[in-house]
Amino acid sequence: MERYRISSEAAVYFVTYSIVEWLPVFVSEAACKIVTDSLNFCHEHKGLRTNAVVIMPTHLHAIVFDKEFNSDRLVATLTDFRKFTGRSLSDFCERHTPPCFAATLRTSATADRERRFWQPSRHPEAVMTERFWRQKLDYLHENPCRKGLVLRANHWRFSSAAYYISDGRESCDVRISAIDWS
């Protein structure tokens, strides 16, 4: 059983979604767009709010919450997001990546599915204080720099770093929602 869970005690969460076997699927703009489009769909139709995001080649991090701070709906929305993107990205791998990627997804499957795209855990961490939020925000924005992919966080395309550094003047592929800590 997963140690980290979304509960009614917290409204904001830092989540991580990792691809099985750390396959580098998010080196393609089209694969990243499946994630960003889905986050935006969830914003418009399911009440999901994304406060920050970064899509790395093998995983993604985000700070998310429900528009009414409803933890049950947040769980349902993230489950739907995970299922939809998992299917869509598995299909993407079948068509656009080396055959070994699709084979790995099939090998990672469990009894209830033919393929598995995401690793089982989303590792949700409750964000209860502004200080912890800032730590997670800095961590996810600096991830591409720590991995040697860019020199400055705002140079990474699929990240909210440029949005934050420019005080919202730079666009982001995902609709970003502020958190008022006052």
C-alpha atoms as a PDB file:
ATOM      1  CA  MET A   1       0.000   0.000   0.000  1.00  0.00           C
ATOM      2  CA  GLU A   2       1.188   3.485  -0.856  1.00  0.00           C
ATOM      3  CA  ARG A   3       2.558   5.360   2.147  1.00  0.00           C
ATOM      4  CA  TYR A   4       1.615   8.780   0.785  1.00  0.00           C
ATOM      5  CA  ARG A   5      -2.067   9.541   0.280  1.00  0.00           C
ATOM      6  CA  ILE A   6      -4.303  12.486  -0.436  1.00  0.00           C
ATOM      7  CA  SER A   7      -6.504  13.180   2.590  1.00  0.00           C
ATOM      8  CA  SER A   8      -8.973  15.794   3.775  1.00  0.00           C
ATOM      9  CA  GLU A   9      -6.353  17.293   6.138  1.00  0.00           C
ATOM     10  CA  ALA A  10      -4.603  19.067   3.254  1.00  0.00           C
ATOM     11  CA  ALA A  11      -5.787  20.871   0.137  1.00  0.00           C
ATOM     12  CA  VAL A  12      -2.582  21.330  -1.882  1.00  0.00           C
ATOM     13  CA  TYR A  13      -0.311  18.510  -3.007  1.00  0.00           C
ATOM     14  CA  PHE A  14       3.055  18.017  -4.669  1.00  0.00           C
ATOM     15  CA  VAL A  15       2.760  14.986  -6.965  1.00  0.00           C
ATOM     16  CA  THR A  16       5.227  13.011  -9.044  1.00  0.00           C
ATOM     17  CA  TYR A  17       4.336  10.744 -11.960  1.00  0.00           C
ATOM     18  CA  SER A  18       7.176   8.559 -13.245  1.00  0.00           C
ATOM     19  CA  ILE A  19       7.203   6.442 -16.399  1.00  0.00           C
ATOM     20  CA  VAL A  20       7.787   2.708 -15.933  1.00  0.00           C
ATOM     21  CA  GLU A  21      11.439   1.749 -16.185  1.00  0.00           C
ATOM     22  CA  TRP A  22      12.185   5.481 -16.495  1.00  0.00           C
ATOM     23  CA  LEU A  23      11.610   5.420 -20.252  1.00  0.00           C
ATOM     24  CA  PRO A  24      12.477   8.842 -21.781  1.00  0.00           C
ATOM     25  CA  VAL A  25       9.142   9.414 -23.510  1.00  0.00           C
ATOM     26  CA  PHE A  26       8.951  13.131 -22.756  1.00  0.00           C
ATOM     27  CA  VAL A  27      11.727  14.009 -25.189  1.00  0.00           C
ATOM     28  CA  SER A  28       8.966  14.556 -27.747  1.00  0.00           C
ATOM     29  CA  GLU A  29       6.894  17.719 -27.808  1.00  0.00           C
ATOM     30  CA  ALA A  30       3.852  15.656 -28.840  1.00  0.00           C
ATOM     31  CA  ALA A  31       4.146  13.440 -25.763  1.00  0.00           C
ATOM     32  CA  CYS A  32       4.476  16.484 -23.488  1.00  0.00           C
ATOM     33  CA  LYS A  33       1.431  18.073 -25.130  1.00  0.00           C
ATOM     34  CA  ILE A  34      -0.667  15.034 -24.161  1.00  0.00           C
ATOM     35  CA  VAL A  35       0.111  15.875 -20.527  1.00  0.00           C
ATOM     36  CA  THR A  36      -0.336  19.650 -20.815  1.00  0.00           C
ATOM     37  CA  ASP A  37      -3.567  19.337 -22.792  1.00  0.00           C
ATOM     38  CA  SER A  38      -4.917  16.894 -20.220  1.00  0.00           C
ATOM     39  CA  LEU A  39      -4.022  19.181 -17.311  1.00  0.00           C
ATOM     40  CA  ASN A  40      -5.786  22.046 -19.092  1.00  0.00           C
ATOM     41  CA  PHE A  41      -8.837  19.845 -19.779  1.00  0.00           C
ATOM     42  CA  CYS A  42      -8.949  18.912 -16.094  1.00  0.00           C
ATOM     43  CA  HIS A  43      -8.760  22.614 -15.221  1.00  0.00           C
ATOM     44  CA  GLU A  44     -11.711  23.479 -17.463  1.00  0.00           C
ATOM     45  CA  HIS A  45     -13.938  20.485 -16.773  1.00  0.00           C
ATOM     46  CA  LYS A  46     -12.936  18.879 -13.466  1.00  0.00           C
ATOM     47  CA  GLY A  47     -11.874  21.705 -11.154  1.00  0.00           C
ATOM     48  CA  LEU A  48      -8.174  20.794 -11.081  1.00  0.00           C
ATOM     49  CA  ARG A  49      -5.820  23.656 -10.422  1.00  0.00           C
ATOM     50  CA  THR A  50      -2.156  23.418 -11.327  1.00  0.00           C
ATOM     51  CA  ASN A  51       0.045  25.748  -9.337  1.00  0.00           C
ATOM     52  CA  ALA A  52       3.363  24.619 -10.834  1.00  0.00           C
ATOM     53  CA  VAL A  53       4.588  21.924 -13.206  1.00  0.00           C
ATOM     54  CA  VAL A  54       7.680  20.519 -14.863  1.00  0.00           C
ATOM     55  CA  ILE A  55       7.790  17.695 -17.376  1.00  0.00           C
ATOM     56  CA  MET A  56      11.153  15.939 -17.402  1.00  0.00           C
ATOM     57  CA  PRO A  57      12.153  13.266 -19.955  1.00  0.00           C
ATOM     58  CA  THR A  58      11.131  10.398 -17.622  1.00  0.00           C
ATOM     59  CA  HIS A  59       8.693  11.927 -15.132  1.00  0.00           C
ATOM     60  CA  LEU A  60       6.723  14.984 -14.143  1.00  0.00           C
ATOM     61  CA  HIS A  61       6.202  16.977 -10.967  1.00  0.00           C
ATOM     62  CA  ALA A  62       3.286  19.266 -10.203  1.00  0.00           C
ATOM     63  CA  ILE A  63       1.738  21.213  -7.358  1.00  0.00           C
ATOM     64  CA  VAL A  64      -2.016  20.758  -7.626  1.00  0.00           C
ATOM     65  CA  PHE A  65      -5.268  21.404  -5.799  1.00  0.00           C
ATOM     66  CA  ASP A  66      -8.999  21.286  -6.375  1.00  0.00           C
ATOM     67  CA  LYS A  67     -10.712  24.623  -7.080  1.00  0.00           C
ATOM     68  CA  GLU A  68     -12.971  24.107  -4.033  1.00  0.00           C
ATOM     69  CA  PHE A  69     -10.261  22.336  -2.022  1.00  0.00           C
ATOM     70  CA  ASN A  70     -12.289  19.121  -2.220  1.00  0.00           C
ATOM     71  CA  SER A  71      -9.820  16.306  -1.574  1.00  0.00           C
ATOM     72  CA  ASP A  72     -12.192  13.557  -2.772  1.00  0.00           C
ATOM     73  CA  ARG A  73     -12.685  15.295  -6.104  1.00  0.00           C
ATOM     74  CA  LEU A  74      -8.925  15.912  -6.338  1.00  0.00           C
ATOM     75  CA  VAL A  75      -8.306  12.171  -5.944  1.00  0.00           C
ATOM     76  CA  ALA A  76     -10.915  11.367  -8.621  1.00  0.00           C
ATOM     77  CA  THR A  77      -9.536  13.982 -11.012  1.00  0.00           C
ATOM     78  CA  LEU A  78      -5.948  12.819 -10.612  1.00  0.00           C
ATOM     79  CA  THR A  79      -7.087   9.227 -11.134  1.00  0.00           C
ATOM     80  CA  ASP A  80      -8.849  10.241 -14.357  1.00  0.00           C
ATOM     81  CA  PHE A  81      -5.790  12.247 -15.450  1.00  0.00           C
ATOM     82  CA  ARG A  82      -3.527   9.272 -14.786  1.00  0.00           C
ATOM     83  CA  LYS A  83      -5.767   6.808 -16.660  1.00  0.00           C
ATOM     84  CA  PHE A  84      -6.311   9.064 -19.671  1.00  0.00           C
ATOM     85  CA  THR A  85      -2.672  10.082 -20.044  1.00  0.00           C
ATOM     86  CA  GLY A  86      -1.490   6.515 -19.422  1.00  0.00           C
ATOM     87  CA  ARG A  87      -3.635   5.193 -22.269  1.00  0.00           C
ATOM     88  CA  SER A  88      -2.845   8.092 -24.589  1.00  0.00           C
ATOM     89  CA  LEU A  89       0.877   7.958 -23.938  1.00  0.00           C
ATOM     90  CA  SER A  90       0.945   4.168 -24.305  1.00  0.00           C
ATOM     91  CA  ASP A  91      -0.741   4.582 -27.693  1.00  0.00           C
ATOM     92  CA  PHE A  92       1.780   7.311 -28.545  1.00  0.00           C
ATOM     93  CA  CYS A  93       4.637   4.928 -27.703  1.00  0.00           C
ATOM     94  CA  GLU A  94       3.155   2.228 -29.941  1.00  0.00           C
ATOM     95  CA  ARG A  95       3.234   4.632 -32.900  1.00  0.00           C
ATOM     96  CA  HIS A  96       6.180   6.960 -32.305  1.00  0.00           C
ATOM     97  CA  THR A  97       8.888   5.394 -30.164  1.00  0.00           C
ATOM     98  CA  PRO A  98      11.296   2.489 -30.655  1.00  0.00           C
ATOM     99  CA  PRO A  99       9.546  -0.913 -30.393  1.00  0.00           C
ATOM    100  CA  CYS A 100      11.355  -1.653 -27.130  1.00  0.00           C
ATOM    101  CA  PHE A 101       9.350   1.132 -25.422  1.00  0.00           C
ATOM    102  CA  ALA A 102       5.991  -0.474 -26.233  1.00  0.00           C
ATOM    103  CA  ALA A 103       7.413  -3.871 -25.272  1.00  0.00           C
ATOM    104  CA  THR A 104       8.481  -2.464 -21.892  1.00  0.00           C
ATOM    105  CA  LEU A 105       4.982  -1.066 -21.309  1.00  0.00           C
ATOM    106  CA  ARG A 106       3.509  -4.499 -22.057  1.00  0.00           C
ATOM    107  CA  THR A 107       6.047  -6.240 -19.819  1.00  0.00           C
ATOM    108  CA  SER A 108       5.155  -3.842 -16.983  1.00  0.00           C
ATOM    109  CA  ALA A 109       1.448  -4.657 -17.220  1.00  0.00           C
ATOM    110  CA  THR A 110      -0.486  -6.218 -14.378  1.00  0.00           C
ATOM    111  CA  ALA A 111      -3.432  -8.607 -14.400  1.00  0.00           C
ATOM    112  CA  ASP A 112      -5.931  -5.778 -14.890  1.00  0.00           C
ATOM    113  CA  ARG A 113      -4.328  -4.147 -17.950  1.00  0.00           C
ATOM    114  CA  GLU A 114      -2.414  -4.898 -21.135  1.00  0.00           C
ATOM    115  CA  ARG A 115       0.140  -2.115 -20.621  1.00  0.00           C
ATOM    116  CA  ARG A 116       1.342   0.116 -17.836  1.00  0.00           C
ATOM    117  CA  PHE A 117       2.706   3.582 -18.608  1.00  0.00           C
ATOM    118  CA  TRP A 118       2.994   5.179 -15.161  1.00  0.00           C
ATOM    119  CA  GLN A 119       4.775   3.667 -12.183  1.00  0.00           C
ATOM    120  CA  PRO A 120       2.224   2.717  -9.502  1.00  0.00           C
ATOM    121  CA  SER A 121       2.763   5.656  -7.131  1.00  0.00           C
ATOM    122  CA  ARG A 122       2.030   9.338  -7.656  1.00  0.00           C
ATOM    123  CA  HIS A 123       3.748  10.036  -4.313  1.00  0.00           C
ATOM    124  CA  PRO A 124       1.463  12.889  -3.164  1.00  0.00           C
ATOM    125  CA  GLU A 125       3.000  15.107  -0.489  1.00  0.00           C
ATOM    126  CA  ALA A 126       0.729  17.494   1.386  1.00  0.00           C
ATOM    127  CA  VAL A 127       1.769  21.128   1.086  1.00  0.00           C
ATOM    128  CA  MET A 128       0.703  22.711   4.365  1.00  0.00           C
ATOM    129  CA  THR A 129       2.943  25.758   4.659  1.00  0.00           C
ATOM    130  CA  GLU A 130       4.226  28.476   2.381  1.00  0.00           C
ATOM    131  CA  ARG A 131       7.791  27.479   3.262  1.00  0.00           C
ATOM    132  CA  PHE A 132       7.245  23.862   2.161  1.00  0.00           C
ATOM    133  CA  TRP A 133       5.440  25.102  -0.973  1.00  0.00           C
ATOM    134  CA  ARG A 134       8.448  27.285  -1.844  1.00  0.00           C
ATOM    135  CA  GLN A 135      10.807  24.318  -1.347  1.00  0.00           C
ATOM    136  CA  LYS A 136       8.745  22.155  -3.706  1.00  0.00           C
ATOM    137  CA  LEU A 137       8.308  24.990  -6.218  1.00  0.00           C
ATOM    138  CA  ASP A 138      12.060  25.608  -6.321  1.00  0.00           C
ATOM    139  CA  TYR A 139      12.771  21.865  -6.471  1.00  0.00           C
ATOM    140  CA  LEU A 140      10.550  21.246  -9.485  1.00  0.00           C
ATOM    141  CA  HIS A 141      11.656  24.370 -11.338  1.00  0.00           C
ATOM    142  CA  GLU A 142      15.356  23.629 -10.772  1.00  0.00           C
ATOM    143  CA  ASN A 143      15.025  19.954 -11.784  1.00  0.00           C
ATOM    144  CA  PRO A 144      16.066  20.530 -15.447  1.00  0.00           C
ATOM    145  CA  CYS A 145      19.115  22.481 -14.244  1.00  0.00           C
ATOM    146  CA  ARG A 146      20.142  19.801 -11.724  1.00  0.00           C
ATOM    147  CA  LYS A 147      19.925  17.201 -14.508  1.00  0.00           C
ATOM    148  CA  GLY A 148      22.128  19.323 -16.789  1.00  0.00           C
ATOM    149  CA  LEU A 149      19.421  19.874 -19.394  1.00  0.00           C
ATOM    150  CA  VAL A 150      19.455  23.687 -19.240  1.00  0.00           C
ATOM    151  CA  LEU A 151      21.491  26.356 -17.485  1.00  0.00           C
ATOM    152  CA  ARG A 152      18.473  28.360 -16.304  1.00  0.00           C
ATOM    153  CA  ALA A 153      15.133  27.008 -15.132  1.00  0.00           C
ATOM    154  CA  ASN A 154      13.146  29.408 -17.315  1.00  0.00           C
ATOM    155  CA  HIS A 155      14.791  27.918 -20.432  1.00  0.00           C
ATOM    156  CA  TRP A 156      12.986  24.574 -19.998  1.00  0.00           C
ATOM    157  CA  ARG A 157       9.946  24.571 -22.294  1.00  0.00           C
ATOM    158  CA  PHE A 158       7.603  22.317 -20.345  1.00  0.00           C
ATOM    159  CA  SER A 159       7.851  24.058 -17.009  1.00  0.00           C
ATOM    160  CA  SER A 160       6.103  26.854 -15.182  1.00  0.00           C
ATOM    161  CA  ALA A 161       9.485  28.395 -14.249  1.00  0.00           C
ATOM    162  CA  ALA A 162       9.382  31.113 -16.937  1.00  0.00           C
ATOM    163  CA  TYR A 163       5.838  31.994 -15.862  1.00  0.00           C
ATOM    164  CA  TYR A 164       6.957  32.459 -12.242  1.00  0.00           C
ATOM    165  CA  ILE A 165      10.216  34.251 -13.034  1.00  0.00           C
ATOM    166  CA  SER A 166       8.364  36.740 -15.270  1.00  0.00           C
ATOM    167  CA  ASP A 167       5.498  37.261 -12.780  1.00  0.00           C
ATOM    168  CA  GLY A 168       3.050  35.749 -15.238  1.00  0.00           C
ATOM    169  CA  ARG A 169       4.150  37.680 -18.343  1.00  0.00           C
ATOM    170  CA  GLU A 170       5.659  34.566 -19.971  1.00  0.00           C
ATOM    171  CA  SER A 171       3.135  31.976 -21.020  1.00  0.00           C
ATOM    172  CA  CYS A 172       3.065  28.372 -19.901  1.00  0.00           C
ATOM    173  CA  ASP A 173       1.579  25.387 -21.720  1.00  0.00           C
ATOM    174  CA  VAL A 174      -0.470  24.656 -18.586  1.00  0.00           C
ATOM    175  CA  ARG A 175      -2.883  27.116 -17.033  1.00  0.00           C
ATOM    176  CA  ILE A 176      -1.279  28.154 -13.735  1.00  0.00           C
ATOM    177  CA  SER A 177      -3.401  28.958 -10.667  1.00  0.00           C
ATOM    178  CA  ALA A 178      -2.005  30.976  -7.785  1.00  0.00           C
ATOM    179  CA  ILE A 179      -2.154  30.046  -4.123  1.00  0.00           C
ATOM    180  CA  ASP A 180      -2.873  32.837  -1.661  1.00  0.00           C
ATOM    181  CA  TRP A 181      -0.886  32.064   1.476  1.00  0.00           C
ATOM    182  CA  SER A 182      -2.203  35.043   3.441  1.00  0.00           C
END
